[in-house]
Amino acid sequence: MKLVGIFLGLLAFALIFVGIEYLYRLRASAMRSLAARWNLKYSDGHPRIWTAGRNAPLPHPTGFKMGCYPAHEVRRMWNVIDGQRNGNRVLIFDSTVGGPRGIYCSFVAVQANENLFVSDSPREKIAQCSGWIAIYRTRFLQVPWTLDVNRIEELLRRL
């Protein structure tokens, strides 16, 4: 009886692990498709939610330096999409910001001097500094991406 309980506990843990990994892969696939539809460059990176691969290099776009909160506190980024839209450089990425564990945050950033974004939600914030404007959304619970692909496409259409 005790052995069955241990087995069921391990099985539940394995199912949770597989489910989380599946969600990350679905997000990566959706972001890859988004980049292809908009003719942008996609760099995978790994969110490193498990201990394996913690020292793997992450994509970090050259020239992206925002000196304001929260972009200056980005610790990890993955699902990085980089390219041009109507003459402006666009970066889209999932990330963690802050301390060692950080909080999840998704960004859509544009290299421009004027604000090109309109926030449709009180949870969406806009940061502007260092020649970049970014719209980002803070996490809901601990969901590792905070802007869904449909919202990102809507923002791209407005640029």
Protein backbone atom coordinates (compact mmCIF):
# COMPACT_ATOMS: atom_id res chain seq x y z
CA MET A 1 0.00 0.00 0.00
CA LYS A 2 2.83 2.38 0.90
CA LEU A 3 4.62 1.53 -2.34
CA VAL A 4 1.49 2.37 -4.35
CA GLY A 5 1.31 5.79 -2.66
CA ILE A 6 4.95 6.50 -3.51
CA PHE A 7 4.40 5.38 -7.09
CA LEU A 8 1.30 7.59 -7.45
CA GLY A 9 3.22 10.56 -5.99
CA LEU A 10 6.06 10.08 -8.47
CA LEU A 11 3.59 9.65 -11.30
CA ALA A 12 1.83 12.91 -10.37
CA PHE A 13 5.18 14.73 -10.23
CA ALA A 14 6.15 13.34 -13.64
CA LEU A 15 2.82 14.42 -15.15
CA ILE A 16 3.26 17.95 -13.79
CA PHE A 17 6.81 18.07 -15.15
CA VAL A 18 5.70 16.85 -18.59
CA GLY A 19 2.74 19.26 -18.60
CA ILE A 20 4.91 22.29 -17.83
CA GLU A 21 7.46 21.28 -20.45
CA TYR A 22 4.63 20.87 -22.98
CA LEU A 23 3.36 24.39 -22.26
CA TYR A 24 6.84 25.86 -22.80
CA ARG A 25 7.15 24.01 -26.10
CA LEU A 26 3.72 25.25 -27.21
CA ARG A 27 4.76 28.84 -26.45
CA ALA A 28 8.05 28.40 -28.34
CA SER A 29 6.16 26.98 -31.33
CA ALA A 30 3.65 29.86 -31.27
CA MET A 31 6.45 32.45 -31.07
CA ARG A 32 8.37 30.74 -33.90
CA SER A 33 5.23 30.82 -36.06
CA LEU A 34 4.64 34.48 -35.18
CA ALA A 35 8.18 35.36 -36.27
CA ALA A 36 7.72 33.48 -39.54
CA ARG A 37 4.38 35.18 -40.30
CA TRP A 38 5.88 38.64 -39.74
CA ASN A 39 9.21 37.83 -41.44
CA LEU A 40 11.19 38.36 -38.22
CA LYS A 41 14.14 36.39 -36.81
CA TYR A 42 13.47 33.94 -33.97
CA SER A 43 16.08 32.82 -31.40
CA ASP A 44 14.98 30.04 -29.12
CA GLY A 45 16.96 30.17 -25.90
CA HIS A 46 15.74 28.05 -23.05
CA PRO A 47 13.81 29.36 -20.09
CA ARG A 48 15.85 27.04 -17.88
CA ILE A 49 13.03 26.19 -15.55
CA TRP A 50 14.76 22.97 -14.57
CA THR A 51 18.27 22.72 -13.18
CA ALA A 52 19.64 21.11 -16.33
CA GLY A 53 21.02 23.68 -18.73
CA ARG A 54 21.27 26.54 -16.23
CA ASN A 55 24.61 27.59 -17.72
CA ALA A 56 23.47 27.39 -21.34
CA PRO A 57 23.95 30.66 -23.27
CA LEU A 58 20.81 32.69 -23.80
CA PRO A 59 20.04 34.88 -26.78
CA HIS A 60 20.72 38.52 -26.00
CA PRO A 61 20.00 40.92 -28.84
CA THR A 62 22.84 43.28 -29.67
CA GLY A 63 22.09 46.94 -29.18
CA PHE A 64 19.20 46.39 -26.75
CA LYS A 65 19.98 48.43 -23.67
CA MET A 66 17.09 49.96 -21.78
CA GLY A 67 18.24 51.69 -18.63
CA CYS A 68 14.83 51.86 -16.99
CA TYR A 69 12.68 49.51 -14.98
CA PRO A 70 11.96 46.69 -15.60
CA ALA A 71 14.06 46.16 -18.74
CA HIS A 72 17.33 46.93 -16.96
CA GLU A 73 16.59 44.05 -14.57
CA VAL A 74 16.12 41.36 -17.24
CA ARG A 75 18.04 38.31 -16.01
CA ARG A 76 17.04 35.74 -18.61
CA MET A 77 15.33 35.99 -21.97
CA TRP A 78 14.04 33.36 -24.36
CA ASN A 79 11.73 33.18 -27.37
CA VAL A 80 13.48 36.26 -28.71
CA ILE A 81 12.05 37.72 -31.91
CA ASP A 82 14.09 40.45 -33.62
CA GLY A 83 13.49 42.40 -36.81
CA GLN A 84 12.19 45.53 -38.51
CA ARG A 85 8.65 46.86 -38.75
CA ASN A 86 7.99 50.04 -40.75
CA GLY A 87 11.61 51.14 -40.36
CA ASN A 88 11.78 50.55 -36.59
CA ARG A 89 13.67 47.75 -34.90
CA VAL A 90 11.34 45.47 -32.96
CA LEU A 91 12.23 43.03 -30.18
CA ILE A 92 9.78 40.62 -28.60
CA PHE A 93 10.83 38.28 -25.81
CA ASP A 94 9.82 36.37 -22.71
CA SER A 95 12.00 36.97 -19.68
CA THR A 96 12.51 36.92 -15.97
CA VAL A 97 13.18 40.21 -14.24
CA GLY A 98 14.57 40.89 -10.81
CA GLY A 99 16.30 38.68 -8.28
CA PRO A 100 17.65 35.15 -8.59
CA ARG A 101 14.25 33.58 -9.28
CA GLY A 102 12.72 36.72 -10.73
CA ILE A 103 9.21 37.26 -12.00
CA TYR A 104 8.06 36.42 -15.49
CA CYS A 105 7.50 39.25 -17.92
CA SER A 106 6.95 39.45 -21.69
CA PHE A 107 8.11 42.49 -23.66
CA VAL A 108 7.44 44.06 -27.04
CA ALA A 109 10.09 46.75 -27.52
CA VAL A 110 10.56 49.17 -30.40
CA GLN A 111 13.60 51.32 -31.07
CA ALA A 112 11.95 54.70 -31.58
CA ASN A 113 11.83 58.12 -29.97
CA GLU A 114 8.05 58.43 -29.80
CA ASN A 115 5.58 56.20 -28.03
CA LEU A 116 3.99 53.85 -30.56
CA PHE A 117 1.98 51.81 -28.06
CA VAL A 118 -1.44 52.13 -26.51
CA SER A 119 -2.10 49.98 -23.47
CA ASP A 120 -5.50 48.28 -23.48
CA SER A 121 -5.18 46.85 -19.99
CA PRO A 122 -4.30 48.24 -16.58
CA ARG A 123 -1.86 45.32 -16.21
CA GLU A 124 0.10 46.44 -19.27
CA LYS A 125 2.77 49.05 -18.64
CA ILE A 126 4.85 51.18 -21.00
CA ALA A 127 8.49 52.05 -20.39
CA GLN A 128 10.45 54.53 -22.49
CA CYS A 129 14.17 55.29 -22.23
CA SER A 130 17.49 54.95 -24.05
CA GLY A 131 15.80 55.24 -27.45
CA TRP A 132 13.48 52.28 -26.81
CA ILE A 133 9.79 52.03 -26.00
CA ALA A 134 8.54 48.79 -24.48
CA ILE A 135 5.14 47.54 -23.56
CA TYR A 136 5.19 44.76 -21.03
CA ARG A 137 2.83 42.92 -18.82
CA THR A 138 3.57 41.73 -15.34
CA ARG A 139 2.86 38.17 -14.47
CA PHE A 140 -0.42 36.61 -13.54
CA LEU A 141 0.36 34.06 -10.86
CA GLN A 142 3.59 32.50 -12.18
CA VAL A 143 2.65 32.12 -15.84
CA PRO A 144 5.94 32.26 -17.77
CA TRP A 145 4.60 34.47 -20.57
CA THR A 146 2.36 37.38 -19.96
CA LEU A 147 1.52 38.68 -23.43
CA ASP A 148 -0.20 36.10 -25.59
CA VAL A 149 0.60 35.78 -29.29
CA ASN A 150 -2.70 37.36 -30.39
CA ARG A 151 -1.94 40.46 -28.30
CA ILE A 152 1.60 40.62 -29.70
CA GLU A 153 0.23 40.45 -33.26
CA GLU A 154 -2.23 43.21 -32.45
CA LEU A 155 0.67 45.38 -31.22
CA LEU A 156 2.69 44.60 -34.37
CA ARG A 157 -0.24 45.61 -36.59
CA ARG A 158 -0.37 49.00 -34.87
CA LEU A 159 3.30 49.77 -35.54
